[in-house]
Amino acid sequence: MNIIVCIKQVPNTENVQIDPQTGRLKRDGIESIINPYDEYAIEEGVKLKEKFGGKVTAITMGPPQAESALREAIARGADEAVLISDTAFGGADTLATSYTLSTAIKTIENYSIIICGKQAADGDTAQVGPGIAEMLNIPHVSCVKKIEVIDDVSIKVERMMEDGYDLIESFLPVLLTVVKEINNPRMASLKGKMLAKKAIIKSLDAISIGADIKKIGLNGSPTQIVNIFNPPQRTGGEKFVGQAKDIAANIVKRLSDLGVI
């Protein structure tokens, strides 16, 4: 069973800064990490490989430095890695990103499952995974918390819902986006780190994947980010102290003054 895991390199959320001039995220000089949800995707891909055989191929679209994220994926158990990198991909929104990744995936033969993290920490749209599936014309299941059964032609999974879960069966190939409840990602082993250091990362540009120049980067992005800003910090709120009867009366009066009641 051959599995593709789509990952993304994102700024370390503890160090995110916004450029006051452009209103966009500062990425230069900021530590980058594997998108946290993608760590669960890597782990689930490796677990499936260990159980059913085959191989795991990690793939990402990004600048040359995104290669470090792919090496981390190999250190955690992926077998191969592919970097989709070209200046023409710059400025891509979720539609253009989905197109680019799906076009690159078409160059990888005989895959059964594509696994993505539920969403990216720097965008939180949760659109790219389903977008890839739609462009590949394959089924997809979002928010997967458990993979129940797999055979040669189908898969059964649990999809997390607010009030429980759905049990969904799908034909293969299929794309799954996974949530953190699905597993506990392993740490990279020493052997894995040594393999990752020596691994040859395949790099593909727009021409290599046969991308339509009108559908990638800014050209293929109908949505544009106009501005990004930090939300105002929350205050500590208003506290009422005293006897319960007095507190209740004060709360009622405060809510009335605010027009809530």
C-alpha atoms as a PDB file:
ATOM      1  CA  MET A   1       0.000   0.000   0.000  1.00  0.00           C
ATOM      2  CA  ASN A   2       1.539   3.268  -1.136  1.00  0.00           C
ATOM      3  CA  ILE A   3       0.651   6.346   0.876  1.00  0.00           C
ATOM      4  CA  ILE A   4       1.234  10.018   0.128  1.00  0.00           C
ATOM      5  CA  VAL A   5       1.417  12.440   3.037  1.00  0.00           C
ATOM      6  CA  CYS A   6       1.054  16.137   2.242  1.00  0.00           C
ATOM      7  CA  ILE A   7       2.833  18.384   4.720  1.00  0.00           C
ATOM      8  CA  LYS A   8       3.523  22.100   5.070  1.00  0.00           C
ATOM      9  CA  GLN A   9       6.303  24.055   6.704  1.00  0.00           C
ATOM     10  CA  VAL A  10       4.890  26.884   8.832  1.00  0.00           C
ATOM     11  CA  PRO A  11       6.344  29.526  11.153  1.00  0.00           C
ATOM     12  CA  ASN A  12       6.703  28.444  14.749  1.00  0.00           C
ATOM     13  CA  THR A  13       3.459  29.747  16.244  1.00  0.00           C
ATOM     14  CA  GLU A  14       5.295  31.021  19.306  1.00  0.00           C
ATOM     15  CA  ASN A  15       7.346  33.350  17.112  1.00  0.00           C
ATOM     16  CA  VAL A  16       4.795  34.629  14.593  1.00  0.00           C
ATOM     17  CA  GLN A  17       5.212  38.319  13.814  1.00  0.00           C
ATOM     18  CA  ILE A  18       3.348  40.597  11.432  1.00  0.00           C
ATOM     19  CA  ASP A  19       5.088  43.110   9.189  1.00  0.00           C
ATOM     20  CA  PRO A  20       3.483  46.475  10.026  1.00  0.00           C
ATOM     21  CA  GLN A  21       4.150  47.770   6.515  1.00  0.00           C
ATOM     22  CA  THR A  22       2.612  44.920   4.528  1.00  0.00           C
ATOM     23  CA  GLY A  23       0.278  43.408   7.131  1.00  0.00           C
ATOM     24  CA  ARG A  24       1.588  39.958   6.218  1.00  0.00           C
ATOM     25  CA  LEU A  25       3.328  37.274   8.257  1.00  0.00           C
ATOM     26  CA  LYS A  26       7.069  37.677   8.652  1.00  0.00           C
ATOM     27  CA  ARG A  27       8.783  34.485   7.524  1.00  0.00           C
ATOM     28  CA  ASP A  28      12.397  35.598   7.056  1.00  0.00           C
ATOM     29  CA  GLY A  29      14.483  34.793  10.090  1.00  0.00           C
ATOM     30  CA  ILE A  30      11.599  33.010  11.815  1.00  0.00           C
ATOM     31  CA  GLU A  31      11.997  29.405  12.920  1.00  0.00           C
ATOM     32  CA  SER A  32       9.933  27.053  10.765  1.00  0.00           C
ATOM     33  CA  ILE A  33       8.391  23.766  11.823  1.00  0.00           C
ATOM     34  CA  ILE A  34       6.195  21.062  10.347  1.00  0.00           C
ATOM     35  CA  ASN A  35       2.568  22.096  10.593  1.00  0.00           C
ATOM     36  CA  PRO A  36       1.417  20.436  13.857  1.00  0.00           C
ATOM     37  CA  TYR A  37      -1.568  18.635  12.307  1.00  0.00           C
ATOM     38  CA  ASP A  38       0.743  17.215   9.628  1.00  0.00           C
ATOM     39  CA  GLU A  39       2.739  15.409  12.306  1.00  0.00           C
ATOM     40  CA  TYR A  40      -0.339  13.237  12.896  1.00  0.00           C
ATOM     41  CA  ALA A  41      -0.651  12.673   9.155  1.00  0.00           C
ATOM     42  CA  ILE A  42       2.961  11.462   8.954  1.00  0.00           C
ATOM     43  CA  GLU A  43       2.496   9.156  11.933  1.00  0.00           C
ATOM     44  CA  GLU A  44      -0.696   7.647  10.539  1.00  0.00           C
ATOM     45  CA  GLY A  45       0.939   7.057   7.166  1.00  0.00           C
ATOM     46  CA  VAL A  46       3.879   5.285   8.806  1.00  0.00           C
ATOM     47  CA  LYS A  47       1.560   3.184  10.991  1.00  0.00           C
ATOM     48  CA  LEU A  48      -0.399   2.055   7.929  1.00  0.00           C
ATOM     49  CA  LYS A  49       2.833   1.178   6.130  1.00  0.00           C
ATOM     50  CA  GLU A  50       4.005  -0.865   9.099  1.00  0.00           C
ATOM     51  CA  LYS A  51       0.718  -2.752   9.172  1.00  0.00           C
ATOM     52  CA  PHE A  52       0.029  -3.244   5.462  1.00  0.00           C
ATOM     53  CA  GLY A  53       3.405  -2.766   3.762  1.00  0.00           C
ATOM     54  CA  GLY A  54       4.201  -0.402   0.926  1.00  0.00           C
ATOM     55  CA  LYS A  55       5.851   2.973   1.273  1.00  0.00           C
ATOM     56  CA  VAL A  56       5.178   6.513   2.461  1.00  0.00           C
ATOM     57  CA  THR A  57       6.016   9.491   0.270  1.00  0.00           C
ATOM     58  CA  ALA A  58       6.022  12.927   1.906  1.00  0.00           C
ATOM     59  CA  ILE A  59       5.296  15.866  -0.384  1.00  0.00           C
ATOM     60  CA  THR A  60       5.279  19.605   0.173  1.00  0.00           C
ATOM     61  CA  MET A  61       5.007  22.790  -1.853  1.00  0.00           C
ATOM     62  CA  GLY A  62       7.290  25.548  -0.689  1.00  0.00           C
ATOM     63  CA  PRO A  63      10.624  27.356  -1.013  1.00  0.00           C
ATOM     64  CA  PRO A  64      13.904  25.406  -1.023  1.00  0.00           C
ATOM     65  CA  GLN A  65      14.186  25.613   2.780  1.00  0.00           C
ATOM     66  CA  ALA A  66      11.031  23.481   3.058  1.00  0.00           C
ATOM     67  CA  GLU A  67      13.359  20.562   2.337  1.00  0.00           C
ATOM     68  CA  SER A  68      14.133  20.473   6.066  1.00  0.00           C
ATOM     69  CA  ALA A  69      10.491  19.592   6.798  1.00  0.00           C
ATOM     70  CA  LEU A  70      10.698  16.717   4.332  1.00  0.00           C
ATOM     71  CA  ARG A  71      13.857  15.408   5.983  1.00  0.00           C
ATOM     72  CA  GLU A  72      12.054  15.526   9.311  1.00  0.00           C
ATOM     73  CA  ALA A  73       9.255  13.448   7.764  1.00  0.00           C
ATOM     74  CA  ILE A  74      11.814  10.875   6.609  1.00  0.00           C
ATOM     75  CA  ALA A  75      13.375  10.844  10.075  1.00  0.00           C
ATOM     76  CA  ARG A  76       9.925   9.971  11.431  1.00  0.00           C
ATOM     77  CA  GLY A  77       9.435   7.047   9.058  1.00  0.00           C
ATOM     78  CA  ALA A  78       8.590   8.294   5.559  1.00  0.00           C
ATOM     79  CA  ASP A  79      10.480   6.495   2.796  1.00  0.00           C
ATOM     80  CA  GLU A  80      10.693   9.183   0.122  1.00  0.00           C
ATOM     81  CA  ALA A  81      10.111  12.909  -0.187  1.00  0.00           C
ATOM     82  CA  VAL A  82       9.228  15.295  -2.989  1.00  0.00           C
ATOM     83  CA  LEU A  83       9.667  19.075  -2.882  1.00  0.00           C
ATOM     84  CA  ILE A  84       7.428  21.084  -5.214  1.00  0.00           C
ATOM     85  CA  SER A  85       9.300  24.357  -5.527  1.00  0.00           C
ATOM     86  CA  ASP A  86       9.246  27.168  -8.069  1.00  0.00           C
ATOM     87  CA  THR A  87       9.092  30.946  -7.784  1.00  0.00           C
ATOM     88  CA  ALA A  88       6.020  30.717 -10.009  1.00  0.00           C
ATOM     89  CA  PHE A  89       4.166  29.080  -7.103  1.00  0.00           C
ATOM     90  CA  GLY A  90       4.651  32.153  -4.874  1.00  0.00           C
ATOM     91  CA  GLY A  91       1.555  33.889  -3.540  1.00  0.00           C
ATOM     92  CA  ALA A  92      -0.701  30.877  -4.085  1.00  0.00           C
ATOM     93  CA  ASP A  93      -4.035  30.776  -2.286  1.00  0.00           C
ATOM     94  CA  THR A  94      -5.715  27.515  -1.288  1.00  0.00           C
ATOM     95  CA  LEU A  95      -7.132  26.956  -4.801  1.00  0.00           C
ATOM     96  CA  ALA A  96      -3.780  27.391  -6.529  1.00  0.00           C
ATOM     97  CA  THR A  97      -2.049  25.321  -3.840  1.00  0.00           C
ATOM     98  CA  SER A  98      -4.573  22.492  -4.258  1.00  0.00           C
ATOM     99  CA  TYR A  99      -4.079  22.575  -8.025  1.00  0.00           C
ATOM    100  CA  THR A 100      -0.284  22.514  -7.747  1.00  0.00           C
ATOM    101  CA  LEU A 101      -0.213  19.646  -5.260  1.00  0.00           C
ATOM    102  CA  SER A 102      -2.803  17.612  -7.166  1.00  0.00           C
ATOM    103  CA  THR A 103      -0.865  18.093 -10.399  1.00  0.00           C
ATOM    104  CA  ALA A 104       2.329  16.937  -8.693  1.00  0.00           C
ATOM    105  CA  ILE A 105       0.564  13.929  -7.156  1.00  0.00           C
ATOM    106  CA  LYS A 106      -0.504  12.816 -10.643  1.00  0.00           C
ATOM    107  CA  THR A 107       3.182  12.158 -11.347  1.00  0.00           C
ATOM    108  CA  ILE A 108       3.262   9.642  -8.463  1.00  0.00           C
ATOM    109  CA  GLU A 109       1.857   6.290  -9.528  1.00  0.00           C
ATOM    110  CA  ASN A 110      -0.097   3.612  -7.695  1.00  0.00           C
ATOM    111  CA  TYR A 111      -1.020   5.410  -4.482  1.00  0.00           C
ATOM    112  CA  SER A 112      -3.921   4.158  -2.356  1.00  0.00           C
ATOM    113  CA  ILE A 113      -4.278   6.856   0.300  1.00  0.00           C
ATOM    114  CA  ILE A 114      -3.390  10.528   0.556  1.00  0.00           C
ATOM    115  CA  ILE A 115      -3.219  11.858   4.116  1.00  0.00           C
ATOM    116  CA  CYS A 116      -3.222  15.519   5.116  1.00  0.00           C
ATOM    117  CA  GLY A 117      -3.438  17.290   8.443  1.00  0.00           C
ATOM    118  CA  LYS A 118      -6.854  18.796   9.154  1.00  0.00           C
ATOM    119  CA  GLN A 119      -5.597  22.333   8.567  1.00  0.00           C
ATOM    120  CA  ALA A 120      -2.493  24.506   8.576  1.00  0.00           C
ATOM    121  CA  ALA A 121      -1.539  26.546  11.618  1.00  0.00           C
ATOM    122  CA  ASP A 122      -0.788  29.656   9.552  1.00  0.00           C
ATOM    123  CA  GLY A 123      -4.038  29.691   7.567  1.00  0.00           C
ATOM    124  CA  ASP A 124      -6.618  27.554   9.378  1.00  0.00           C
ATOM    125  CA  THR A 125      -8.755  27.210   6.237  1.00  0.00           C
ATOM    126  CA  ALA A 126      -8.875  23.378   6.069  1.00  0.00           C
ATOM    127  CA  GLN A 127      -9.450  23.764   2.306  1.00  0.00           C
ATOM    128  CA  VAL A 128      -6.342  22.330   0.662  1.00  0.00           C
ATOM    129  CA  GLY A 129      -6.920  18.655   1.504  1.00  0.00           C
ATOM    130  CA  PRO A 130     -10.474  18.512   0.132  1.00  0.00           C
ATOM    131  CA  GLY A 131      -9.349  20.721  -2.779  1.00  0.00           C
ATOM    132  CA  ILE A 132      -6.672  18.206  -3.777  1.00  0.00           C
ATOM    133  CA  ALA A 133      -9.222  15.378  -3.705  1.00  0.00           C
ATOM    134  CA  GLU A 134     -11.694  17.292  -5.862  1.00  0.00           C
ATOM    135  CA  MET A 135      -9.034  18.057  -8.452  1.00  0.00           C
ATOM    136  CA  LEU A 136      -7.924  14.418  -8.492  1.00  0.00           C
ATOM    137  CA  ASN A 137     -11.581  13.335  -8.694  1.00  0.00           C
ATOM    138  CA  ILE A 138     -11.231  10.958  -5.750  1.00  0.00           C
ATOM    139  CA  PRO A 139     -13.348  10.698  -2.567  1.00  0.00           C
ATOM    140  CA  HIS A 140     -12.216  12.383   0.627  1.00  0.00           C
ATOM    141  CA  VAL A 141     -13.120  12.227   4.305  1.00  0.00           C
ATOM    142  CA  SER A 142     -12.270  15.124   6.632  1.00  0.00           C
ATOM    143  CA  CYS A 143     -11.552  15.134  10.380  1.00  0.00           C
ATOM    144  CA  VAL A 144     -10.698  11.425  10.571  1.00  0.00           C
ATOM    145  CA  LYS A 145     -10.072  10.261  14.137  1.00  0.00           C
ATOM    146  CA  LYS A 146      -9.630   6.539  13.500  1.00  0.00           C
ATOM    147  CA  ILE A 147      -9.054   4.168  10.594  1.00  0.00           C
ATOM    148  CA  GLU A 148     -11.132   1.073  11.219  1.00  0.00           C
ATOM    149  CA  VAL A 149     -10.628  -1.318   8.297  1.00  0.00           C
ATOM    150  CA  ILE A 150      -8.683  -1.373   5.049  1.00  0.00           C
ATOM    151  CA  ASP A 151      -8.704  -3.944   2.268  1.00  0.00           C
ATOM    152  CA  ASP A 152      -7.510  -3.866  -1.335  1.00  0.00           C
ATOM    153  CA  VAL A 153     -10.362  -1.725  -2.598  1.00  0.00           C
ATOM    154  CA  SER A 154     -11.968   0.105   0.326  1.00  0.00           C
ATOM    155  CA  ILE A 155     -11.450   1.780   3.674  1.00  0.00           C
ATOM    156  CA  LYS A 156     -13.630   2.416   6.730  1.00  0.00           C
ATOM    157  CA  VAL A 157     -12.934   5.376   9.019  1.00  0.00           C
ATOM    158  CA  GLU A 158     -14.402   7.312  11.910  1.00  0.00           C
ATOM    159  CA  ARG A 159     -14.990  10.991  11.192  1.00  0.00           C
ATOM    160  CA  MET A 160     -15.093  13.227  14.258  1.00  0.00           C
ATOM    161  CA  MET A 161     -18.295  15.201  14.784  1.00  0.00           C
ATOM    162  CA  GLU A 162     -19.334  17.603  17.536  1.00  0.00           C
ATOM    163  CA  ASP A 163     -21.688  15.046  19.097  1.00  0.00           C
ATOM    164  CA  GLY A 164     -19.828  11.821  18.333  1.00  0.00           C
ATOM    165  CA  TYR A 165     -18.514  10.362  15.085  1.00  0.00           C
ATOM    166  CA  ASP A 166     -19.638   9.132  11.671  1.00  0.00           C
ATOM    167  CA  LEU A 167     -18.557   5.719  10.414  1.00  0.00           C
ATOM    168  CA  ILE A 168     -17.742   6.165   6.722  1.00  0.00           C
ATOM    169  CA  GLU A 169     -16.738   3.618   4.095  1.00  0.00           C
ATOM    170  CA  SER A 170     -15.006   4.709   0.899  1.00  0.00           C
ATOM    171  CA  PHE A 171     -13.415   3.190  -2.155  1.00  0.00           C
ATOM    172  CA  LEU A 172      -9.668   3.587  -2.764  1.00  0.00           C
ATOM    173  CA  PRO A 173      -7.851   5.739  -3.665  1.00  0.00           C
ATOM    174  CA  VAL A 174      -9.063   8.216  -1.068  1.00  0.00           C
ATOM    175  CA  LEU A 175      -7.841  11.389   0.626  1.00  0.00           C
ATOM    176  CA  LEU A 176      -8.122  11.707   4.399  1.00  0.00           C
ATOM    177  CA  THR A 177      -7.550  14.741   6.598  1.00  0.00           C
ATOM    178  CA  VAL A 178      -6.750  13.726  10.160  1.00  0.00           C
ATOM    179  CA  VAL A 179      -7.232  15.283  13.587  1.00  0.00           C
ATOM    180  CA  LYS A 180      -4.896  15.058  16.577  1.00  0.00           C
ATOM    181  CA  GLU A 181      -7.046  12.419  18.274  1.00  0.00           C
ATOM    182  CA  ILE A 182      -5.978   9.813  15.698  1.00  0.00           C
ATOM    183  CA  ASN A 183      -2.548   8.973  17.191  1.00  0.00           C
ATOM    184  CA  ASN A 184       0.491  10.084  19.155  1.00  0.00           C
ATOM    185  CA  PRO A 185       3.303  11.110  16.761  1.00  0.00           C
ATOM    186  CA  ARG A 186       6.599   9.371  17.398  1.00  0.00           C
ATOM    187  CA  MET A 187       9.888  11.169  17.841  1.00  0.00           C
ATOM    188  CA  ALA A 188      12.520  10.778  15.166  1.00  0.00           C
ATOM    189  CA  SER A 189      14.933   7.943  15.961  1.00  0.00           C
ATOM    190  CA  LEU A 190      18.694   8.178  15.581  1.00  0.00           C
ATOM    191  CA  LYS A 191      18.513   5.760  12.664  1.00  0.00           C
ATOM    192  CA  GLY A 192      15.759   7.844  11.118  1.00  0.00           C
ATOM    193  CA  LYS A 193      17.792  11.033  11.460  1.00  0.00           C
ATOM    194  CA  MET A 194      20.778   9.380   9.789  1.00  0.00           C
ATOM    195  CA  LEU A 195      18.590   8.194   6.903  1.00  0.00           C
ATOM    196  CA  ALA A 196      17.046  11.640   6.590  1.00  0.00           C
ATOM    197  CA  LYS A 197      20.446  13.310   6.440  1.00  0.00           C
ATOM    198  CA  LYS A 198      21.552  11.117   3.537  1.00  0.00           C
ATOM    199  CA  ALA A 199      18.204  11.036   1.712  1.00  0.00           C
ATOM    200  CA  ILE A 200      17.945  12.470  -1.788  1.00  0.00           C
ATOM    201  CA  ILE A 201      14.973  14.817  -1.952  1.00  0.00           C
ATOM    202  CA  LYS A 202      13.340  14.895  -5.370  1.00  0.00           C
ATOM    203  CA  SER A 203      12.574  18.447  -6.499  1.00  0.00           C
ATOM    204  CA  LEU A 204       9.947  19.338  -9.097  1.00  0.00           C
ATOM    205  CA  ASP A 205       9.167  22.713 -10.616  1.00  0.00           C
ATOM    206  CA  ALA A 206       6.170  23.953 -12.586  1.00  0.00           C
ATOM    207  CA  ILE A 207       7.471  22.538 -15.867  1.00  0.00           C
ATOM    208  CA  SER A 208       8.302  19.149 -14.318  1.00  0.00           C
ATOM    209  CA  ILE A 209       4.741  18.599 -13.139  1.00  0.00           C
ATOM    210  CA  GLY A 210       3.173  20.017 -16.295  1.00  0.00           C
ATOM    211  CA  ALA A 211       1.363  22.813 -14.454  1.00  0.00           C
ATOM    212  CA  ASP A 212      -0.792  25.336 -16.273  1.00  0.00           C
ATOM    213  CA  ILE A 213       0.865  28.702 -15.597  1.00  0.00           C
ATOM    214  CA  LYS A 214      -2.574  30.328 -15.356  1.00  0.00           C
ATOM    215  CA  LYS A 215      -3.538  28.104 -12.416  1.00  0.00           C
ATOM    216  CA  ILE A 216      -0.512  28.469 -10.150  1.00  0.00           C
ATOM    217  CA  GLY A 217       0.799  31.180  -7.842  1.00  0.00           C
ATOM    218  CA  LEU A 218      -0.811  34.591  -8.007  1.00  0.00           C
ATOM    219  CA  ASN A 219      -2.149  33.894 -11.506  1.00  0.00           C
ATOM    220  CA  GLY A 220      -4.278  31.039 -10.203  1.00  0.00           C
ATOM    221  CA  SER A 221      -5.369  32.701  -6.966  1.00  0.00           C
ATOM    222  CA  PRO A 222      -8.811  34.339  -7.084  1.00  0.00           C
ATOM    223  CA  THR A 223      -8.599  35.165  -3.378  1.00  0.00           C
ATOM    224  CA  GLN A 224      -6.050  37.628  -2.072  1.00  0.00           C
ATOM    225  CA  ILE A 225      -4.967  38.372   1.490  1.00  0.00           C
ATOM    226  CA  VAL A 226      -5.450  42.103   1.906  1.00  0.00           C
ATOM    227  CA  ASN A 227      -4.292  42.347   5.497  1.00  0.00           C
ATOM    228  CA  ILE A 228      -3.403  40.283   8.554  1.00  0.00           C
ATOM    229  CA  PHE A 229      -3.550  41.754  12.028  1.00  0.00           C
ATOM    230  CA  ASN A 230      -3.357  40.644  15.623  1.00  0.00           C
ATOM    231  CA  PRO A 231      -6.731  40.643  17.401  1.00  0.00           C
ATOM    232  CA  PRO A 232      -6.911  42.929  20.431  1.00  0.00           C
ATOM    233  CA  GLN A 233      -5.833  41.303  23.656  1.00  0.00           C
ATOM    234  CA  ARG A 234      -8.630  40.199  25.906  1.00  0.00           C
ATOM    235  CA  THR A 235      -8.999  42.021  29.188  1.00  0.00           C
ATOM    236  CA  GLY A 236      -9.332  40.222  32.463  1.00  0.00           C
ATOM    237  CA  GLY A 237     -13.078  40.806  32.562  1.00  0.00           C
ATOM    238  CA  GLU A 238     -15.138  42.299  35.348  1.00  0.00           C
ATOM    239  CA  LYS A 239     -15.204  40.563  38.711  1.00  0.00           C
ATOM    240  CA  PHE A 240     -17.927  40.742  41.335  1.00  0.00           C
ATOM    241  CA  VAL A 241     -17.062  40.020  44.954  1.00  0.00           C
ATOM    242  CA  GLY A 242     -19.095  39.901  48.108  1.00  0.00           C
ATOM    243  CA  GLN A 243     -22.063  37.912  49.316  1.00  0.00           C
ATOM    244  CA  ALA A 244     -23.866  35.701  46.810  1.00  0.00           C
ATOM    245  CA  LYS A 245     -27.090  37.712  47.082  1.00  0.00           C
ATOM    246  CA  ASP A 246     -25.282  41.004  46.446  1.00  0.00           C
ATOM    247  CA  ILE A 247     -23.225  39.520  43.582  1.00  0.00           C
ATOM    248  CA  ALA A 248     -26.374  38.242  41.879  1.00  0.00           C
ATOM    249  CA  ALA A 249     -28.049  41.639  42.168  1.00  0.00           C
ATOM    250  CA  ASN A 250     -24.966  43.421  40.802  1.00  0.00           C
ATOM    251  CA  ILE A 251     -24.707  41.023  37.839  1.00  0.00           C
ATOM    252  CA  VAL A 252     -28.372  41.541  36.965  1.00  0.00           C
ATOM    253  CA  LYS A 253     -27.942  45.315  37.155  1.00  0.00           C
ATOM    254  CA  ARG A 254     -24.767  45.208  35.031  1.00  0.00           C
ATOM    255  CA  LEU A 255     -26.419  43.070  32.348  1.00  0.00           C
ATOM    256  CA  SER A 256     -29.412  45.402  32.371  1.00  0.00           C
ATOM    257  CA  ASP A 257     -27.150  48.447  31.951  1.00  0.00           C
ATOM    258  CA  LEU A 258     -25.499  46.745  28.981  1.00  0.00           C
ATOM    259  CA  GLY A 259     -28.885  46.058  27.409  1.00  0.00           C
ATOM    260  CA  VAL A 260     -28.397  42.288  27.544  1.00  0.00           C
ATOM    261  CA  ILE A 261     -31.548  41.805  29.650  1.00  0.00           C
END
